[in-house]
C-alpha cells in the first residue's frame, strides 16, 4: 500500500488535500504530520534526528509539504544525510512554495528581495537533493489573485 505523508497537514491547503484524498480510492494510507495537533504524527522539522516514518517501511512513499519551504528544505537535507537508504525509497516529493520567489525578485523593498532569495535557495536545495537521489520532485508556486 502506498503512503502519502502530508507535512503541514493542519494548513488550509493540507486540510483540503486530506479531504480530497479521503474521498478517493483507498489504495493508499494518508499520514499527517503536525507540530502540535492531536491525532496527527507529531513532528519538529528542526529535529530531524528524531524523525522516522511511522507505520511505514518507506516503500511507495510520497511526500507532500505545505510547511514553510525554508524549514522543510533543511529537514529534507538532514533527513537525506541521516537516512540515505530510507530516503532512496521515496517515490515523489511535492512541495508548495510561493510565486514570491519570482515576483519579488526585482522588488525595491529589501524584505521582499530577501524573501525571494530565501525561497529560491530553498527550492534549489530541494531540487538538488531530489536529483541526487533520482526522486521526481514537483515544486508548486501558487499565488494569490487580488481584485
Protein backbone atom coordinates (compact mmCIF):
# COMPACT_ATOMS: atom_id res chain seq x y z
CA UNK A 1 0.00 0.00 0.00
CA UNK A 2 1.33 3.44 -0.90
CA UNK A 3 1.76 6.05 1.81
CA UNK A 4 1.16 9.76 1.39
CA UNK A 5 2.96 11.78 4.04
CA UNK A 6 1.47 15.26 4.40
CA UNK A 7 3.66 17.79 6.21
CA UNK A 8 1.84 20.97 7.18
CA UNK A 9 -1.34 18.89 7.33
CA UNK A 10 -3.15 21.45 9.50
CA UNK A 11 -2.80 24.27 6.96
CA UNK A 12 -5.86 25.11 4.88
CA UNK A 13 -4.25 23.52 1.83
CA UNK A 14 -3.25 20.44 3.82
CA UNK A 15 -6.80 20.06 5.13
CA UNK A 16 -8.21 20.39 1.60
CA UNK A 17 -5.83 17.72 0.31
CA UNK A 18 -6.69 15.37 3.18
CA UNK A 19 -10.40 15.80 2.46
CA UNK A 20 -9.94 15.26 -1.27
CA UNK A 21 -7.78 12.17 -0.80
CA UNK A 22 -10.21 10.65 1.70
CA UNK A 23 -12.93 10.83 -0.98
CA UNK A 24 -10.79 8.87 -3.47
CA UNK A 25 -9.95 5.17 -3.61
CA UNK A 26 -8.26 3.61 -0.62
CA UNK A 27 -5.11 2.24 -2.30
CA UNK A 28 -3.02 4.46 -0.07
CA UNK A 29 -2.64 5.45 3.54
CA UNK A 30 -2.52 9.13 4.50
CA UNK A 31 -0.16 10.04 7.31
CA UNK A 32 -0.50 13.59 8.62
CA UNK A 33 2.28 15.46 10.38
CA UNK A 34 1.87 18.47 12.65
CA UNK A 35 3.88 20.38 15.21
CA UNK A 36 1.21 20.16 17.87
CA UNK A 37 -2.16 18.86 16.67
CA UNK A 38 -3.52 15.82 18.45
CA UNK A 39 -4.38 12.75 16.35
CA UNK A 40 -1.54 13.60 13.96
CA UNK A 41 2.04 12.36 13.91
CA UNK A 42 3.88 14.95 15.95
CA UNK A 43 6.98 16.36 14.28
CA UNK A 44 9.52 19.06 14.83
CA UNK A 45 11.07 19.69 11.42
CA UNK A 46 14.08 21.23 13.10
CA UNK A 47 14.96 17.99 14.93
CA UNK A 48 15.32 15.51 12.10
CA UNK A 49 17.50 13.14 14.14
CA UNK A 50 14.36 12.06 15.98
CA UNK A 51 12.32 11.58 12.81
CA UNK A 52 11.33 8.38 11.07
CA UNK A 53 8.26 7.46 9.07
CA UNK A 54 5.93 5.66 11.44
CA UNK A 55 3.88 2.72 10.16
CA UNK A 56 5.99 2.63 7.06
CA UNK A 57 8.82 0.70 5.57
CA UNK A 58 9.40 3.61 3.20
CA UNK A 59 8.22 1.65 0.19
CA UNK A 60 5.92 3.62 -2.10
CA UNK A 61 6.11 6.79 -0.06
CA UNK A 62 5.05 10.15 -1.42
CA UNK A 63 5.89 13.37 0.41
CA UNK A 64 3.64 16.41 0.17
CA UNK A 65 4.68 19.51 2.09
CA UNK A 66 2.81 22.69 2.93
CA UNK A 67 5.35 23.53 5.64
CA UNK A 68 7.48 26.66 5.20
CA UNK A 69 9.86 25.68 2.40
CA UNK A 70 12.98 27.15 4.04
CA UNK A 71 12.40 24.91 7.06
CA UNK A 72 11.34 21.89 5.00
CA UNK A 73 14.37 22.12 2.69
CA UNK A 74 16.70 21.89 5.70
CA UNK A 75 14.64 18.99 7.07
CA UNK A 76 14.93 17.12 3.75
CA UNK A 77 18.64 17.79 3.58
CA UNK A 78 19.23 16.47 7.11
CA UNK A 79 16.89 13.51 6.58
CA UNK A 80 18.67 12.53 3.35
CA UNK A 81 22.06 12.71 5.10
CA UNK A 82 20.98 10.87 8.27
CA UNK A 83 18.87 8.22 6.50
CA UNK A 84 20.11 7.90 2.89
CA UNK A 85 18.95 4.29 2.41
CA UNK A 86 15.44 5.08 3.60
CA UNK A 87 15.37 8.35 1.70
CA UNK A 88 16.02 6.49 -1.59
CA UNK A 89 12.72 4.66 -1.19
CA UNK A 90 10.66 7.84 -1.54
CA UNK A 91 8.80 7.82 -4.87
CA UNK A 92 7.98 11.51 -5.25
CA UNK A 93 8.30 14.84 -3.46
CA UNK A 94 5.69 17.57 -3.91
CA UNK A 95 6.42 20.91 -2.26
CA UNK A 96 4.30 24.02 -2.04
CA UNK A 97 6.43 27.15 -2.28
CA UNK A 98 5.39 30.64 -3.37
CA UNK A 99 5.36 32.66 -6.56
CA UNK A 100 7.05 35.38 -4.48
CA UNK A 101 10.32 33.68 -5.41
CA UNK A 102 9.77 35.12 -8.89
CA UNK A 103 7.56 38.16 -8.38
CA UNK A 104 9.58 39.76 -5.56
CA UNK A 105 12.96 39.07 -7.12
CA UNK A 106 13.17 42.56 -8.65
CA UNK A 107 11.43 44.42 -5.85
CA UNK A 108 12.88 47.63 -4.46
CA UNK A 109 11.91 46.51 -0.96
CA UNK A 110 14.80 44.77 0.86
CA UNK A 111 12.46 42.42 2.76
CA UNK A 112 10.80 41.25 -0.48
CA UNK A 113 14.16 40.66 -2.17
CA UNK A 114 15.35 38.70 0.83
CA UNK A 115 12.18 36.59 0.82
CA UNK A 116 12.61 35.85 -2.87
CA UNK A 117 16.20 34.80 -2.32
CA UNK A 118 15.26 32.59 0.64
CA UNK A 119 12.55 30.85 -1.39
CA UNK A 120 14.79 30.32 -4.42
CA UNK A 121 17.65 28.91 -2.32
CA UNK A 122 15.24 26.53 -0.60
CA UNK A 123 13.75 25.39 -3.91
CA UNK A 124 17.23 24.84 -5.37
CA UNK A 125 18.29 22.81 -2.33
CA UNK A 126 15.26 20.53 -2.64
CA UNK A 127 15.78 20.08 -6.39
CA UNK A 128 19.46 19.18 -5.87
CA UNK A 129 18.57 16.61 -3.20
CA UNK A 130 15.85 15.08 -5.38
CA UNK A 131 18.16 14.96 -8.40
CA UNK A 132 20.94 13.34 -6.38
CA UNK A 133 18.57 10.60 -5.19
CA UNK A 134 16.79 10.44 -8.58
CA UNK A 135 13.41 11.18 -6.98
CA UNK A 136 10.81 13.05 -9.04
CA UNK A 137 10.17 16.43 -7.46
CA UNK A 138 7.46 18.98 -8.12
CA UNK A 139 7.56 22.46 -6.63
CA UNK A 140 4.28 24.31 -6.88
CA UNK A 141 4.30 28.11 -6.69
CA UNK A 142 0.72 29.21 -6.15
CA UNK A 143 -0.14 32.86 -5.92
CA UNK A 144 -2.98 34.91 -4.51
CA UNK A 145 -5.02 36.87 -7.00
CA UNK A 146 -6.29 40.13 -5.58
CA UNK A 147 -9.12 42.12 -7.04
